[in-house]
């Protein structure tokens, strides 16, 4: 009788030690007042939440928009890639999946910094184009939303491709063959058969991409500028530079709440029950 509970006990202990406990500590910290010199005291100062929202709401909204844009970009690029690997790569599927993941054996920061070199004003990409007169001398990509969103899309692309690929791999070839026998065109087969059956992968890919992309601070810090600051950069500054731990903790929970609301809205709009029903087939 106790065997199932003993099997899950290590997992629950792990969550309690490394998730529940830190969250409780951060909740307590977000309600404290004081400073780094004299120390922080628990005063249940809920006004910190209102203050950080009022002060940094622009960066919060910007982070959600950048995360959503990067997620859309990952879906537009990643779905065709996953589709091609699943249905066209044949016995070389593992090779292409390895090539997709190969850049991610390199540090996240180094990969992002490499785009800083590529997209530099007179770098290997824009420099020759400006020299040929194809771009104006003042044209730049760095420190713009396009650079930050592009970096997010590149860095989180596998988080979209892999779940979609797994979902497409589960599509029964007999179902596709049946649609052909019923005189469905390739487009009709995709829209009415393949896409609905791959929705669980799309749903998972969106969640795995949107949440970390919205909370990211590396891409905005390396590829962006003052006008592209994301909420993750603000949290980093509050914690490590300003040493305002309560504000940093409060901002973290505000971001968490905003992400949860966005995820719940997305799940409701897509119809989670329908997606799970398709996944269970």
Protein backbone atom coordinates (compact mmCIF):
# COMPACT_ATOMS: atom_id res chain seq x y z
CA UNK A 1 0.00 0.00 0.00
CA UNK A 2 2.82 2.41 0.83
CA UNK A 3 4.95 1.54 -2.19
CA UNK A 4 3.42 4.15 -4.58
CA UNK A 5 3.81 6.91 -1.99
CA UNK A 6 7.41 5.93 -1.27
CA UNK A 7 8.17 6.05 -4.99
CA UNK A 8 6.93 9.64 -5.37
CA UNK A 9 8.39 10.77 -2.02
CA UNK A 10 11.81 11.78 -3.45
CA UNK A 11 10.11 13.90 -6.10
CA UNK A 12 7.92 15.65 -3.52
CA UNK A 13 10.92 16.25 -1.26
CA UNK A 14 12.84 17.71 -4.21
CA UNK A 15 9.96 20.07 -5.04
CA UNK A 16 9.59 21.07 -1.39
CA UNK A 17 13.31 21.83 -1.03
CA UNK A 18 13.98 23.55 -4.34
CA UNK A 19 10.61 25.07 -5.31
CA UNK A 20 8.21 25.51 -2.41
CA UNK A 21 10.82 26.69 0.10
CA UNK A 22 12.40 29.32 -2.23
CA UNK A 23 8.94 30.61 -3.16
CA UNK A 24 8.02 31.03 0.51
CA UNK A 25 11.30 32.83 1.15
CA UNK A 26 10.69 35.16 -1.81
CA UNK A 27 7.13 35.91 -0.68
CA UNK A 28 8.46 36.85 2.74
CA UNK A 29 11.25 38.94 1.20
CA UNK A 30 8.85 40.83 -1.08
CA UNK A 31 6.92 42.08 1.98
CA UNK A 32 9.95 43.33 3.88
CA UNK A 33 11.28 46.87 4.17
CA UNK A 34 14.73 48.25 4.88
CA UNK A 35 18.01 48.42 3.02
CA UNK A 36 21.14 46.39 2.42
CA UNK A 37 23.16 48.30 5.03
CA UNK A 38 20.75 48.25 7.98
CA UNK A 39 19.05 45.01 7.00
CA UNK A 40 15.53 44.09 5.97
CA UNK A 41 12.63 43.57 8.41
CA UNK A 42 9.31 41.83 7.92
CA UNK A 43 6.63 44.54 7.88
CA UNK A 44 4.12 42.98 5.45
CA UNK A 45 4.52 45.97 3.17
CA UNK A 46 2.14 45.05 0.33
CA UNK A 47 2.55 48.51 -1.19
CA UNK A 48 5.80 47.29 -2.76
CA UNK A 49 3.75 45.39 -5.37
CA UNK A 50 1.75 48.48 -6.34
CA UNK A 51 4.95 50.52 -6.51
CA UNK A 52 6.82 48.15 -8.83
CA UNK A 53 3.80 47.74 -11.12
CA UNK A 54 3.38 51.51 -11.36
CA UNK A 55 7.09 52.05 -11.96
CA UNK A 56 7.85 49.19 -14.36
CA UNK A 57 4.55 48.41 -16.11
CA UNK A 58 6.04 49.47 -19.46
CA UNK A 59 8.84 46.92 -19.19
CA UNK A 60 6.39 44.25 -18.05
CA UNK A 61 4.08 44.76 -21.03
CA UNK A 62 7.09 44.94 -23.35
CA UNK A 63 8.37 41.60 -22.04
CA UNK A 64 5.03 39.91 -22.68
CA UNK A 65 4.86 41.38 -26.19
CA UNK A 66 8.43 40.33 -26.99
CA UNK A 67 7.74 36.86 -25.62
CA UNK A 68 4.55 36.56 -27.68
CA UNK A 69 6.30 37.80 -30.84
CA UNK A 70 9.18 35.35 -30.32
CA UNK A 71 6.69 32.53 -29.74
CA UNK A 72 4.88 33.33 -32.99
CA UNK A 73 8.22 33.46 -34.79
CA UNK A 74 9.24 30.10 -33.34
CA UNK A 75 5.92 28.60 -34.43
CA UNK A 76 6.17 29.97 -37.97
CA UNK A 77 9.74 28.72 -38.36
CA UNK A 78 9.59 25.65 -36.15
CA UNK A 79 6.43 23.97 -37.43
CA UNK A 80 7.68 23.59 -41.02
CA UNK A 81 11.02 22.33 -39.69
CA UNK A 82 9.33 19.77 -37.45
CA UNK A 83 6.98 18.76 -40.28
CA UNK A 84 9.85 18.22 -42.71
CA UNK A 85 11.86 16.17 -40.23
CA UNK A 86 8.83 14.05 -39.28
CA UNK A 87 7.58 13.32 -42.80
CA UNK A 88 10.47 13.95 -45.20
CA UNK A 89 13.75 13.23 -43.41
CA UNK A 90 13.33 9.45 -43.58
CA UNK A 91 16.03 7.46 -41.83
CA UNK A 92 18.07 10.64 -41.26
CA UNK A 93 15.66 12.09 -38.67
CA UNK A 94 18.10 11.64 -35.82
CA UNK A 95 20.82 13.43 -37.78
CA UNK A 96 18.65 16.49 -38.41
CA UNK A 97 17.45 16.59 -34.81
CA UNK A 98 21.09 16.47 -33.70
CA UNK A 99 21.96 19.32 -36.07
CA UNK A 100 19.04 21.32 -34.66
CA UNK A 101 20.35 20.89 -31.13
CA UNK A 102 24.06 21.15 -31.95
CA UNK A 103 24.36 24.93 -31.41
CA UNK A 104 22.87 24.47 -27.95
CA UNK A 105 25.92 22.58 -26.78
CA UNK A 106 27.44 26.08 -26.61
CA UNK A 107 26.69 28.49 -23.76
CA UNK A 108 23.47 30.54 -24.05
CA UNK A 109 25.42 33.76 -23.50
CA UNK A 110 28.07 32.94 -26.09
CA UNK A 111 25.45 32.10 -28.72
CA UNK A 112 23.67 35.38 -28.08
CA UNK A 113 26.93 37.31 -28.15
CA UNK A 114 27.72 35.77 -31.53
CA UNK A 115 24.62 37.47 -32.93
CA UNK A 116 25.95 40.72 -31.53
CA UNK A 117 29.01 40.22 -33.76
CA UNK A 118 26.93 39.21 -36.80
CA UNK A 119 24.47 42.12 -36.47
CA UNK A 120 27.05 44.80 -35.63
CA UNK A 121 26.69 48.02 -37.63
CA UNK A 122 29.79 47.23 -39.68
CA UNK A 123 29.84 43.50 -39.01
CA UNK A 124 30.02 40.54 -41.35
CA UNK A 125 26.37 40.95 -42.42
CA UNK A 126 25.59 44.67 -42.53
CA UNK A 127 29.11 45.88 -43.38
CA UNK A 128 29.26 44.44 -46.93
CA UNK A 129 25.67 45.51 -47.64
CA UNK A 130 26.48 49.09 -46.63
CA UNK A 131 29.69 49.00 -48.65
CA UNK A 132 27.70 47.98 -51.74
CA UNK A 133 25.20 50.76 -51.13
CA UNK A 134 22.33 48.36 -50.52
CA UNK A 135 21.78 49.79 -47.04
CA UNK A 136 22.16 53.39 -45.79
CA UNK A 137 25.23 54.12 -43.66
CA UNK A 138 23.11 54.81 -40.57
CA UNK A 139 21.14 51.57 -40.76
CA UNK A 140 21.38 49.40 -37.65
CA UNK A 141 19.68 46.36 -36.15
CA UNK A 142 21.23 46.15 -32.69
CA UNK A 143 19.44 47.97 -29.84
CA UNK A 144 16.10 47.55 -31.63
CA UNK A 145 13.12 45.32 -30.82
CA UNK A 146 13.86 43.31 -33.98
CA UNK A 147 17.26 42.26 -32.63
CA UNK A 148 15.86 41.23 -29.25
CA UNK A 149 12.91 39.32 -30.71
CA UNK A 150 15.19 37.70 -33.29
CA UNK A 151 17.57 36.59 -30.54
CA UNK A 152 14.71 35.19 -28.48
CA UNK A 153 13.35 33.34 -31.51
CA UNK A 154 16.73 31.81 -32.29
CA UNK A 155 17.51 30.79 -28.72
CA UNK A 156 14.14 29.19 -27.97
CA UNK A 157 13.41 27.62 -31.37
CA UNK A 158 14.12 24.01 -30.24
CA UNK A 159 11.55 24.41 -27.45
CA UNK A 160 8.95 24.72 -30.21
CA UNK A 161 10.35 22.26 -32.75
CA UNK A 162 10.78 19.25 -30.46
CA UNK A 163 7.22 19.07 -29.00
CA UNK A 164 5.70 19.63 -32.44
CA UNK A 165 7.97 16.95 -33.93
CA UNK A 166 6.91 14.44 -31.26
CA UNK A 167 3.24 15.19 -31.95
CA UNK A 168 3.71 14.83 -35.71
CA UNK A 169 5.57 11.55 -35.21
CA UNK A 170 2.46 10.17 -33.51
CA UNK A 171 0.22 10.92 -36.49
CA UNK A 172 -0.79 7.59 -37.99
CA UNK A 173 0.18 7.35 -41.65
CA UNK A 174 -3.01 5.38 -42.28
CA UNK A 175 -5.07 8.40 -41.32
CA UNK A 176 -3.27 10.54 -43.89
CA UNK A 177 -3.66 7.79 -46.47
CA UNK A 178 -7.37 7.57 -45.69
CA UNK A 179 -7.81 11.29 -46.34
CA UNK A 180 -6.12 10.85 -49.71
CA UNK A 181 -8.44 7.96 -50.53
CA UNK A 182 -11.35 10.29 -49.77
CA UNK A 183 -10.04 12.69 -52.45
CA UNK A 184 -8.72 15.30 -50.03
CA UNK A 185 -6.03 17.54 -51.42
CA UNK A 186 -2.69 17.97 -49.64
CA UNK A 187 -3.84 21.28 -48.23
CA UNK A 188 -7.09 19.79 -46.98
CA UNK A 189 -5.23 16.85 -45.44
CA UNK A 190 -2.92 19.23 -43.60
CA UNK A 191 -5.59 21.60 -42.30
CA UNK A 192 -8.19 18.98 -41.40
CA UNK A 193 -6.04 16.02 -40.34
CA UNK A 194 -2.39 16.78 -39.61
CA UNK A 195 -2.72 20.17 -37.92
CA UNK A 196 -5.51 19.16 -35.50
CA UNK A 197 -3.60 16.02 -34.52
CA UNK A 198 -0.43 18.06 -33.90
CA UNK A 199 -2.14 20.67 -31.68
CA UNK A 200 -0.93 19.04 -28.43
CA UNK A 201 2.65 19.59 -29.61
CA UNK A 202 1.88 23.19 -30.60
CA UNK A 203 0.24 23.79 -27.22
CA UNK A 204 3.28 22.44 -25.37
CA UNK A 205 5.68 24.32 -27.65
CA UNK A 206 3.94 27.64 -27.03
CA UNK A 207 4.12 27.16 -23.28
CA UNK A 208 7.76 26.07 -23.35
CA UNK A 209 8.66 29.06 -25.51
CA UNK A 210 6.50 31.91 -24.23
CA UNK A 211 7.27 31.56 -20.52
CA UNK A 212 11.10 31.58 -20.64
CA UNK A 213 11.19 34.08 -23.54
CA UNK A 214 9.10 36.61 -21.61
CA UNK A 215 11.29 36.24 -18.53
CA UNK A 216 14.60 36.35 -20.40
CA UNK A 217 17.10 39.13 -19.80
CA UNK A 218 20.20 37.95 -21.68
CA UNK A 219 18.97 38.81 -25.19
CA UNK A 220 17.77 42.27 -24.20
CA UNK A 221 21.02 42.87 -22.33
CA UNK A 222 23.28 41.86 -25.23
CA UNK A 223 21.26 42.66 -28.36
CA UNK A 224 19.04 45.45 -27.04
CA UNK A 225 19.39 48.94 -25.67
CA UNK A 226 17.72 51.28 -23.17
CA UNK A 227 14.47 51.29 -25.16
CA UNK A 228 14.22 47.48 -25.25
CA UNK A 229 14.73 46.74 -21.56
CA UNK A 230 12.69 43.75 -20.40
CA UNK A 231 11.39 43.01 -16.93
CA UNK A 232 14.13 40.42 -16.41
CA UNK A 233 16.74 43.17 -16.80
CA UNK A 234 14.92 45.27 -14.20
CA UNK A 235 14.86 42.37 -11.73
CA UNK A 236 18.56 41.78 -12.29
CA UNK A 237 19.33 45.48 -11.73
CA UNK A 238 17.17 45.73 -8.61
CA UNK A 239 18.80 42.65 -7.08
CA UNK A 240 22.47 42.94 -8.03
CA UNK A 241 22.94 46.70 -8.54
CA UNK A 242 20.37 48.52 -6.42
CA UNK A 243 20.36 45.74 -3.77
CA UNK A 244 16.61 46.28 -3.39
CA UNK A 245 15.69 42.69 -2.67
CA UNK A 246 12.00 43.28 -1.80
CA UNK A 247 11.39 45.10 -5.10
CA UNK A 248 13.16 42.37 -7.06
CA UNK A 249 11.12 39.66 -5.33
CA UNK A 250 7.87 41.56 -5.85
CA UNK A 251 8.66 42.05 -9.54
CA UNK A 252 9.33 38.32 -9.87
CA UNK A 253 5.88 37.48 -8.51
CA UNK A 254 4.22 40.14 -10.66
CA UNK A 255 5.88 38.57 -13.71
CA UNK A 256 4.83 35.10 -12.56
CA UNK A 257 1.23 36.25 -12.15
CA UNK A 258 1.19 37.92 -15.57
CA UNK A 259 2.58 34.78 -17.22
CA UNK A 260 0.04 32.55 -15.47
CA UNK A 261 -2.81 34.79 -16.62
CA UNK A 262 -1.49 34.75 -20.18
CA UNK A 263 -1.09 30.95 -20.13
CA UNK A 264 -4.59 30.40 -18.73
CA UNK A 265 -6.07 32.75 -21.34
CA UNK A 266 -4.21 30.89 -24.09
CA UNK A 267 -5.32 27.50 -22.78
CA UNK A 268 -8.94 28.66 -22.58
CA UNK A 269 -8.85 30.14 -26.09
CA UNK A 270 -7.31 27.01 -27.59
CA UNK A 271 -9.51 24.64 -25.62
CA UNK A 272 -7.31 22.55 -23.34
CA UNK A 273 -9.85 19.73 -23.03
CA UNK A 274 -10.02 19.36 -26.81
CA UNK A 275 -6.23 19.32 -27.06
CA UNK A 276 -5.88 16.71 -24.34
CA UNK A 277 -8.60 14.63 -25.95
CA UNK A 278 -6.68 14.63 -29.23
CA UNK A 279 -3.44 13.77 -27.42
CA UNK A 280 -5.09 10.79 -25.72
CA UNK A 281 -6.20 9.22 -28.97
